[in-house]
C-alpha atoms as a PDB file:
ATOM      1  CA  MET A   1      33.770  30.105   7.866  1.00  0.00           C
ATOM      2  CA  PHE A   2      31.000  27.489   7.414  1.00  0.00           C
ATOM      3  CA  ASP A   3      31.971  23.972   6.285  1.00  0.00           C
ATOM      4  CA  THR A   4      28.828  21.874   5.821  1.00  0.00           C
ATOM      5  CA  ARG A   5      29.134  18.122   5.301  1.00  0.00           C
ATOM      6  CA  LEU A   6      27.376  14.782   5.620  1.00  0.00           C
ATOM      7  CA  ALA A   7      28.655  12.106   7.982  1.00  0.00           C
ATOM      8  CA  THR A   8      27.720   8.749   9.488  1.00  0.00           C
ATOM      9  CA  LEU A   9      28.712   8.434  13.150  1.00  0.00           C
ATOM     10  CA  SER A  10      30.138   5.135  14.312  1.00  0.00           C
ATOM     11  CA  ASP A  11      28.441   3.239  17.133  1.00  0.00           C
ATOM     12  CA  GLN A  12      31.842   3.125  18.837  1.00  0.00           C
ATOM     13  CA  THR A  13      32.162   5.979  21.340  1.00  0.00           C
ATOM     14  CA  ASP A  14      34.643   8.630  20.255  1.00  0.00           C
ATOM     15  CA  GLN A  15      36.045  11.438  22.388  1.00  0.00           C
ATOM     16  CA  HIS A  16      37.860  14.582  21.288  1.00  0.00           C
ATOM     17  CA  ALA A  17      37.876  18.382  21.248  1.00  0.00           C
ATOM     18  CA  HIS A  18      38.468  20.869  18.442  1.00  0.00           C
ATOM     19  CA  ASP A  19      39.007  24.614  18.272  1.00  0.00           C
ATOM     20  CA  HIS A  20      35.947  25.304  16.113  1.00  0.00           C
ATOM     21  CA  HIS A  21      32.243  25.285  16.966  1.00  0.00           C
ATOM     22  CA  GLN A  22      30.070  22.536  15.559  1.00  0.00           C
ATOM     23  CA  LEU A  23      26.374  22.148  14.811  1.00  0.00           C
ATOM     24  CA  VAL A  24      25.214  18.532  14.478  1.00  0.00           C
ATOM     25  CA  MET A  25      21.774  17.657  13.045  1.00  0.00           C
ATOM     26  CA  SER A  26      20.203  14.382  12.005  1.00  0.00           C
ATOM     27  CA  LEU A  27      18.845  13.674   8.541  1.00  0.00           C
ATOM     28  CA  SER A  28      18.068  10.137   9.693  1.00  0.00           C
ATOM     29  CA  GLY A  29      18.828   8.045  12.754  1.00  0.00           C
ATOM     30  CA  ARG A  30      20.115   9.135  16.135  1.00  0.00           C
ATOM     31  CA  ALA A  31      23.329   9.795  18.047  1.00  0.00           C
ATOM     32  CA  GLU A  32      24.250  10.386  21.680  1.00  0.00           C
ATOM     33  CA  PHE A  33      26.477  13.264  22.799  1.00  0.00           C
ATOM     34  CA  GLU A  34      28.008  14.349  26.073  1.00  0.00           C
ATOM     35  CA  ILE A  35      29.568  17.818  26.037  1.00  0.00           C
ATOM     36  CA  GLY A  36      31.351  19.037  29.129  1.00  0.00           C
ATOM     37  CA  GLY A  37      29.107  16.812  31.248  1.00  0.00           C
ATOM     38  CA  ALA A  38      25.875  17.833  29.492  1.00  0.00           C
ATOM     39  CA  GLY A  39      24.342  14.769  27.832  1.00  0.00           C
ATOM     40  CA  GLY A  40      21.729  14.708  25.097  1.00  0.00           C
ATOM     41  CA  GLU A  41      20.498  12.992  21.962  1.00  0.00           C
ATOM     42  CA  VAL A  42      20.599  14.165  18.361  1.00  0.00           C
ATOM     43  CA  CYS A  43      17.574  13.093  16.314  1.00  0.00           C
ATOM     44  CA  ARG A  44      15.221  14.580  13.734  1.00  0.00           C
ATOM     45  CA  MET A  45      13.652  16.767  16.407  1.00  0.00           C
ATOM     46  CA  ARG A  46      16.786  17.771  18.320  1.00  0.00           C
ATOM     47  CA  ALA A  47      20.144  19.194  17.253  1.00  0.00           C
ATOM     48  CA  CYS A  48      23.403  19.613  19.152  1.00  0.00           C
ATOM     49  CA  LEU A  49      25.578  22.741  19.508  1.00  0.00           C
ATOM     50  CA  VAL A  50      29.168  21.888  20.450  1.00  0.00           C
ATOM     51  CA  PRO A  51      31.207  24.912  21.630  1.00  0.00           C
ATOM     52  CA  GLY A  52      34.805  25.051  20.398  1.00  0.00           C
ATOM     53  CA  ASP A  53      37.522  23.693  22.715  1.00  0.00           C
ATOM     54  CA  VAL A  54      34.994  21.778  24.860  1.00  0.00           C
ATOM     55  CA  GLY A  55      35.727  18.072  25.150  1.00  0.00           C
ATOM     56  CA  HIS A  56      32.870  15.839  24.065  1.00  0.00           C
ATOM     57  CA  GLU A  57      31.968  12.195  23.579  1.00  0.00           C
ATOM     58  CA  PHE A  58      29.619  10.910  20.901  1.00  0.00           C
ATOM     59  CA  ALA A  59      28.395   7.721  19.272  1.00  0.00           C
ATOM     60  CA  GLY A  60      25.872   6.892  16.575  1.00  0.00           C
ATOM     61  CA  LEU A  61      22.890   4.725  17.435  1.00  0.00           C
ATOM     62  CA  GLY A  62      22.437   2.264  14.583  1.00  0.00           C
ATOM     63  CA  ASP A  63      22.085   3.572  11.037  1.00  0.00           C
ATOM     64  CA  ASN A  64      22.385   7.341  10.948  1.00  0.00           C
ATOM     65  CA  ARG A  65      23.112  10.220   8.590  1.00  0.00           C
ATOM     66  CA  MET A  66      24.170  13.510  10.109  1.00  0.00           C
ATOM     67  CA  LEU A  67      24.512  16.977   8.645  1.00  0.00           C
ATOM     68  CA  ILE A  68      27.409  18.710  10.389  1.00  0.00           C
ATOM     69  CA  VAL A  69      28.342  22.380  10.176  1.00  0.00           C
ATOM     70  CA  ASP A  70      31.884  23.258  11.300  1.00  0.00           C
ATOM     71  CA  LEU A  71      32.267  26.931  12.210  1.00  0.00           C
ATOM     72  CA  ASP A  72      35.599  28.714  12.361  1.00  0.00           C
ATOM     73  CA  GLU A  73      35.485  32.317  13.620  1.00  0.00           C
ATOM     74  CA  THR A  74      38.760  33.181  11.880  1.00  0.00           C
ATOM     75  CA  GLY A  75      38.134  36.004   9.444  1.00  0.00           C
ATOM     76  CA  ALA A  76      34.427  36.181  10.308  1.00  0.00           C
ATOM     77  CA  ALA A  77      32.604  39.503  10.287  1.00  0.00           C
ATOM     78  CA  GLU A  78      31.817  41.032  13.674  1.00  0.00           C
ATOM     79  CA  GLN A  79      28.097  40.304  13.288  1.00  0.00           C
ATOM     80  CA  ASP A  80      28.829  36.643  12.563  1.00  0.00           C
ATOM     81  CA  ARG A  81      31.155  36.414  15.580  1.00  0.00           C
ATOM     82  CA  GLU A  82      28.413  37.797  17.827  1.00  0.00           C
ATOM     83  CA  LEU A  83      25.929  35.263  16.443  1.00  0.00           C
ATOM     84  CA  LEU A  84      28.338  32.380  17.058  1.00  0.00           C
ATOM     85  CA  ALA A  85      29.293  33.605  20.527  1.00  0.00           C
ATOM     86  CA  ARG A  86      25.673  33.614  21.581  1.00  0.00           C
ATOM     87  CA  LEU A  87      24.717  30.308  19.997  1.00  0.00           C
ATOM     88  CA  PHE A  88      27.746  28.469  21.370  1.00  0.00           C
ATOM     89  CA  GLU A  89      28.010  30.129  24.773  1.00  0.00           C
ATOM     90  CA  VAL A  90      27.058  26.822  26.400  1.00  0.00           C
ATOM     91  CA  PRO A  91      26.365  23.313  25.052  1.00  0.00           C
ATOM     92  CA  ARG A  92      22.781  23.123  23.809  1.00  0.00           C
ATOM     93  CA  TYR A  93      20.366  20.523  22.446  1.00  0.00           C
ATOM     94  CA  PRO A  94      17.725  22.741  20.804  1.00  0.00           C
ATOM     95  CA  THR A  95      14.388  21.334  19.680  1.00  0.00           C
ATOM     96  CA  LEU A  96      13.743  21.632  15.941  1.00  0.00           C
ATOM     97  CA  ASP A  97      10.265  22.544  14.726  1.00  0.00           C
ATOM     98  CA  ALA A  98       8.648  21.125  11.573  1.00  0.00           C
ATOM     99  CA  ASP A  99       9.641  24.088   9.380  1.00  0.00           C
ATOM    100  CA  PHE A 100      13.280  23.798  10.414  1.00  0.00           C
ATOM    101  CA  GLN A 101      13.197  20.064   9.696  1.00  0.00           C
ATOM    102  CA  HIS A 102      11.990  20.809   6.156  1.00  0.00           C
ATOM    103  CA  LEU A 103      14.856  23.285   5.759  1.00  0.00           C
ATOM    104  CA  LEU A 104      17.275  20.672   7.080  1.00  0.00           C
ATOM    105  CA  SER A 105      16.012  18.047   4.612  1.00  0.00           C
ATOM    106  CA  TYR A 106      16.453  20.499   1.725  1.00  0.00           C
ATOM    107  CA  ALA A 107      19.985  21.393   2.844  1.00  0.00           C
ATOM    108  CA  GLY A 108      20.880  17.715   3.189  1.00  0.00           C
ATOM    109  CA  ALA A 109      19.647  16.932  -0.322  1.00  0.00           C
ATOM    110  CA  GLU A 110      21.617  19.850  -1.802  1.00  0.00           C
ATOM    111  CA  ILE A 111      24.810  18.868   0.013  1.00  0.00           C
ATOM    112  CA  ALA A 112      24.384  15.261  -1.106  1.00  0.00           C
ATOM    113  CA  ARG A 113      24.056  16.438  -4.710  1.00  0.00           C
ATOM    114  CA  TYR A 114      26.539  19.345  -4.799  1.00  0.00           C
ATOM    115  CA  GLY A 115      28.706  18.701  -1.739  1.00  0.00           C
ATOM    116  CA  GLY A 116      31.859  19.615  -3.662  1.00  0.00           C
ATOM    117  CA  ASP A 117      30.736  23.230  -4.103  1.00  0.00           C
ATOM    118  CA  PRO A 118      32.227  25.209  -1.173  1.00  0.00           C
ATOM    119  CA  LEU A 119      30.058  28.274  -1.828  1.00  0.00           C
ATOM    120  CA  LEU A 120      26.872  26.216  -1.582  1.00  0.00           C
ATOM    121  CA  ALA A 121      28.082  24.426   1.547  1.00  0.00           C
ATOM    122  CA  ARG A 122      28.969  27.726   3.200  1.00  0.00           C
ATOM    123  CA  ALA A 123      25.668  29.368   2.237  1.00  0.00           C
ATOM    124  CA  LEU A 124      23.539  26.470   3.459  1.00  0.00           C
ATOM    125  CA  GLY A 125      25.464  26.321   6.725  1.00  0.00           C
ATOM    126  CA  GLY A 126      24.864  30.036   7.233  1.00  0.00           C
ATOM    127  CA  VAL A 127      21.130  29.704   6.566  1.00  0.00           C
ATOM    128  CA  LEU A 128      20.797  26.850   9.071  1.00  0.00           C
ATOM    129  CA  LEU A 129      22.738  28.757  11.728  1.00  0.00           C
ATOM    130  CA  ARG A 130      20.700  31.919  11.297  1.00  0.00           C
ATOM    131  CA  ALA A 131      17.397  30.020  11.299  1.00  0.00           C
ATOM    132  CA  LEU A 132      18.379  28.285  14.534  1.00  0.00           C
ATOM    133  CA  HIS A 133      19.574  31.568  16.068  1.00  0.00           C
ATOM    134  CA  LEU A 134      16.206  33.215  15.339  1.00  0.00           C
ATOM    135  CA  ARG A 135      14.366  30.353  17.004  1.00  0.00           C
ATOM    136  CA  LEU A 136      16.492  30.583  20.139  1.00  0.00           C
ATOM    137  CA  PHE A 137      16.952  34.357  20.375  1.00  0.00           C
ATOM    138  CA  GLY A 138      14.278  35.842  18.095  1.00  0.00           C
ATOM    139  CA  GLU A 139      13.596  39.566  17.975  1.00  0.00           C
ATOM    140  CA  ASP A 140      10.520  39.124  20.138  1.00  0.00           C
ATOM    141  CA  ARG A 141      12.753  38.168  23.064  1.00  0.00           C
ATOM    142  CA  ALA A 142      14.117  40.577  25.632  1.00  0.00           C
ATOM    143  CA  PRO A 143      17.166  42.656  24.583  1.00  0.00           C
ATOM    144  CA  HIS A 144      20.502  41.054  25.397  1.00  0.00           C
ATOM    145  CA  ASN A 145      21.645  43.899  27.630  1.00  0.00           C
ATOM    146  CA  GLY A 146      18.221  45.057  28.816  1.00  0.00           C
ATOM    147  CA  PRO A 147      16.738  44.806  32.305  1.00  0.00           C
ATOM    148  CA  LEU A 148      15.663  41.446  33.676  1.00  0.00           C
ATOM    149  CA  ASP A 149      12.071  40.497  32.911  1.00  0.00           C
ATOM    150  CA  LEU A 150      11.219  38.946  36.282  1.00  0.00           C
ATOM    151  CA  GLU A 151       7.616  38.275  35.294  1.00  0.00           C
ATOM    152  CA  ARG A 152       8.799  36.161  32.390  1.00  0.00           C
ATOM    153  CA  LEU A 153      11.333  34.346  34.557  1.00  0.00           C
ATOM    154  CA  ASP A 154       8.734  33.645  37.250  1.00  0.00           C
ATOM    155  CA  SER A 155       6.349  32.265  34.635  1.00  0.00           C
ATOM    156  CA  TYR A 156       9.070  29.978  33.241  1.00  0.00           C
ATOM    157  CA  ILE A 157      10.062  28.788  36.710  1.00  0.00           C
ATOM    158  CA  ALA A 158       6.431  28.074  37.633  1.00  0.00           C
ATOM    159  CA  ASP A 159       5.958  26.009  34.471  1.00  0.00           C
ATOM    160  CA  HIS A 160       9.094  23.909  35.070  1.00  0.00           C
ATOM    161  CA  LEU A 161       9.402  23.811  38.868  1.00  0.00           C
ATOM    162  CA  SER A 162       8.848  20.057  39.046  1.00  0.00           C
ATOM    163  CA  ARG A 163      12.243  19.400  37.448  1.00  0.00           C
ATOM    164  CA  ARG A 164      15.810  20.615  37.771  1.00  0.00           C
ATOM    165  CA  ILE A 165      16.296  24.156  36.398  1.00  0.00           C
ATOM    166  CA  SER A 166      19.878  25.276  35.769  1.00  0.00           C
ATOM    167  CA  VAL A 167      21.173  28.823  36.006  1.00  0.00           C
ATOM    168  CA  ALA A 168      22.340  28.543  32.385  1.00  0.00           C
ATOM    169  CA  GLU A 169      18.771  27.668  31.386  1.00  0.00           C
ATOM    170  CA  LEU A 170      17.372  30.745  33.159  1.00  0.00           C
ATOM    171  CA  ALA A 171      20.104  32.876  31.596  1.00  0.00           C
ATOM    172  CA  GLN A 172      18.997  31.647  28.174  1.00  0.00           C
ATOM    173  CA  VAL A 173      15.397  32.636  28.956  1.00  0.00           C
ATOM    174  CA  ALA A 174      16.664  36.091  29.971  1.00  0.00           C
ATOM    175  CA  CYS A 175      18.881  36.299  26.845  1.00  0.00           C
ATOM    176  CA  LEU A 176      22.010  36.912  28.943  1.00  0.00           C
ATOM    177  CA  SER A 177      25.252  35.063  29.480  1.00  0.00           C
ATOM    178  CA  PRO A 178      25.219  32.959  32.683  1.00  0.00           C
ATOM    179  CA  SER A 179      27.750  35.263  34.373  1.00  0.00           C
ATOM    180  CA  HIS A 180      25.870  38.466  33.491  1.00  0.00           C
ATOM    181  CA  PHE A 181      22.557  36.882  34.426  1.00  0.00           C
ATOM    182  CA  HIS A 182      23.851  35.766  37.836  1.00  0.00           C
ATOM    183  CA  ALA A 183      25.219  39.244  38.612  1.00  0.00           C
ATOM    184  CA  GLN A 184      22.114  41.122  37.415  1.00  0.00           C
ATOM    185  CA  PHE A 185      19.754  38.742  39.167  1.00  0.00           C
ATOM    186  CA  LYS A 186      21.493  39.004  42.538  1.00  0.00           C
ATOM    187  CA  ASP A 187      21.663  42.792  42.239  1.00  0.00           C
ATOM    188  CA  ARG A 188      17.961  43.035  41.342  1.00  0.00           C
ATOM    189  CA  VAL A 189      16.458  40.386  43.625  1.00  0.00           C
ATOM    190  CA  GLY A 190      18.960  40.215  46.482  1.00  0.00           C
ATOM    191  CA  LEU A 191      19.252  36.431  46.133  1.00  0.00           C
ATOM    192  CA  THR A 192      21.283  34.172  43.892  1.00  0.00           C
ATOM    193  CA  PRO A 193      19.268  32.310  41.223  1.00  0.00           C
ATOM    194  CA  HIS A 194      19.794  29.090  43.191  1.00  0.00           C
ATOM    195  CA  GLN A 195      18.461  30.656  46.397  1.00  0.00           C
ATOM    196  CA  TYR A 196      15.492  32.098  44.537  1.00  0.00           C
ATOM    197  CA  LEU A 197      14.632  28.734  42.963  1.00  0.00           C
ATOM    198  CA  LEU A 198      14.787  27.062  46.368  1.00  0.00           C
ATOM    199  CA  ARG A 199      12.460  29.699  47.820  1.00  0.00           C
ATOM    200  CA  GLN A 200      10.002  29.143  44.968  1.00  0.00           C
ATOM    201  CA  ARG A 201      10.096  25.386  45.551  1.00  0.00           C
ATOM    202  CA  LEU A 202       9.501  25.788  49.286  1.00  0.00           C
ATOM    203  CA  ASP A 203       6.675  28.291  48.737  1.00  0.00           C
ATOM    204  CA  ARG A 204       4.883  25.904  46.400  1.00  0.00           C
ATOM    205  CA  ALA A 205       5.459  22.972  48.748  1.00  0.00           C
ATOM    206  CA  ALA A 206       4.018  24.920  51.692  1.00  0.00           C
ATOM    207  CA  ARG A 207       0.963  25.891  49.640  1.00  0.00           C
ATOM    208  CA  LEU A 208       0.351  22.301  48.519  1.00  0.00           C
ATOM    209  CA  LEU A 209       0.734  21.027  52.063  1.00  0.00           C
ATOM    210  CA  ARG A 210      -1.811  23.547  53.355  1.00  0.00           C
ATOM    211  CA  GLU A 211      -4.301  23.358  50.495  1.00  0.00           C
ATOM    212  CA  SER A 212      -4.175  19.792  49.142  1.00  0.00           C
ATOM    213  CA  ASP A 213      -4.219  16.169  50.249  1.00  0.00           C
ATOM    214  CA  LEU A 214      -1.332  15.244  47.948  1.00  0.00           C
ATOM    215  CA  PRO A 215       0.998  12.685  49.614  1.00  0.00           C
ATOM    216  CA  LEU A 216       4.327  14.051  50.801  1.00  0.00           C
ATOM    217  CA  VAL A 217       6.215  12.184  48.087  1.00  0.00           C
ATOM    218  CA  GLY A 218       3.879  13.753  45.521  1.00  0.00           C
ATOM    219  CA  VAL A 219       4.463  17.219  46.971  1.00  0.00           C
ATOM    220  CA  ALA A 220       8.211  16.650  46.736  1.00  0.00           C
ATOM    221  CA  GLY A 221       7.929  15.623  43.083  1.00  0.00           C
ATOM    222  CA  GLU A 222       5.659  18.546  42.160  1.00  0.00           C
ATOM    223  CA  CYS A 223       8.143  21.001  43.655  1.00  0.00           C
ATOM    224  CA  GLY A 224      11.310  19.576  42.124  1.00  0.00           C
ATOM    225  CA  PHE A 225      12.800  17.868  45.170  1.00  0.00           C
ATOM    226  CA  SER A 226      14.553  14.592  44.460  1.00  0.00           C
ATOM    227  CA  SER A 227      12.785  12.770  47.299  1.00  0.00           C
ATOM    228  CA  GLN A 228      10.503  13.216  50.296  1.00  0.00           C
ATOM    229  CA  SER A 229      13.539  13.290  52.587  1.00  0.00           C
ATOM    230  CA  ALA A 230      15.104  16.087  50.494  1.00  0.00           C
ATOM    231  CA  LEU A 231      11.896  18.111  50.924  1.00  0.00           C
ATOM    232  CA  THR A 232      11.875  17.452  54.668  1.00  0.00           C
ATOM    233  CA  THR A 233      15.520  18.462  55.054  1.00  0.00           C
ATOM    234  CA  ALA A 234      15.033  21.702  53.119  1.00  0.00           C
ATOM    235  CA  MET A 235      11.866  22.679  55.012  1.00  0.00           C
ATOM    236  CA  ARG A 236      13.411  21.951  58.389  1.00  0.00           C
ATOM    237  CA  ARG A 237      16.545  23.919  57.521  1.00  0.00           C
ATOM    238  CA  TYR A 238      14.949  26.985  55.945  1.00  0.00           C
ATOM    239  CA  LEU A 239      11.458  27.104  57.487  1.00  0.00           C
ATOM    240  CA  GLY A 240      12.066  25.418  60.834  1.00  0.00           C
ATOM    241  CA  LEU A 241       9.160  23.040  60.148  1.00  0.00           C
ATOM    242  CA  THR A 242       8.693  19.544  58.794  1.00  0.00           C
ATOM    243  CA  PRO A 243       6.170  18.881  56.020  1.00  0.00           C
ATOM    244  CA  GLY A 244       4.065  16.886  58.448  1.00  0.00           C
ATOM    245  CA  SER A 245       3.925  19.610  61.094  1.00  0.00           C
ATOM    246  CA  LEU A 246       3.096  22.239  58.452  1.00  0.00           C
ATOM    247  CA  ARG A 247       0.231  20.106  57.132  1.00  0.00           C
ATOM    248  CA  ARG A 248      -1.140  19.472  60.630  1.00  0.00           C
ATOM    249  CA  SER A 249      -1.055  23.188  61.420  1.00  0.00           C
END
């Protein structure tokens, strides 16, 4: 099920797809990945989860040494299949804490020394996968099929409103698949996640315009709009006001 190996990625861009999931981590150096349009970098502090059957491009950046875990669901126990399904539901570039990096260094040293032992390779791959799973979906998080924790979602949105927030990202916070999250959210709130995010952005923009002297371009940036004109267009369309008129009022 788990095939754990060391590899050096060429600086020449490669593109392919395979029917198994793949976890890519860096023991040294860096690499760039693009998976189904989602780009990211693999380094000591960031891994890459490549879902099976999803086309991806990758290239090493200078000298690098990667630890790669190939994961085939064939013959896997039901519990392992559930773990893999959740980890590889969407492409991810999870951040690795210091403790995980120590675990990664240990696994890399053992594979370098005893890489021909399939039992060791499989066991180390399993430990790395489970450790990563606990960091992403630990037991302290909301149950997978439980009710939406809107307070938690609102807190996350407020903390990250100045940048783009994807529905898949919110679904991960809620510990739901994107499709289930979208359906539950619309049923609970009466808006799609996209509509709700836009409302939150406009509410914050209106508050900043009324209560601060921040320039309009600064208000746009604080609220996650790509430009001042994007803020103006959204406010005129959904509030019937321009930022300037709202500030003057």
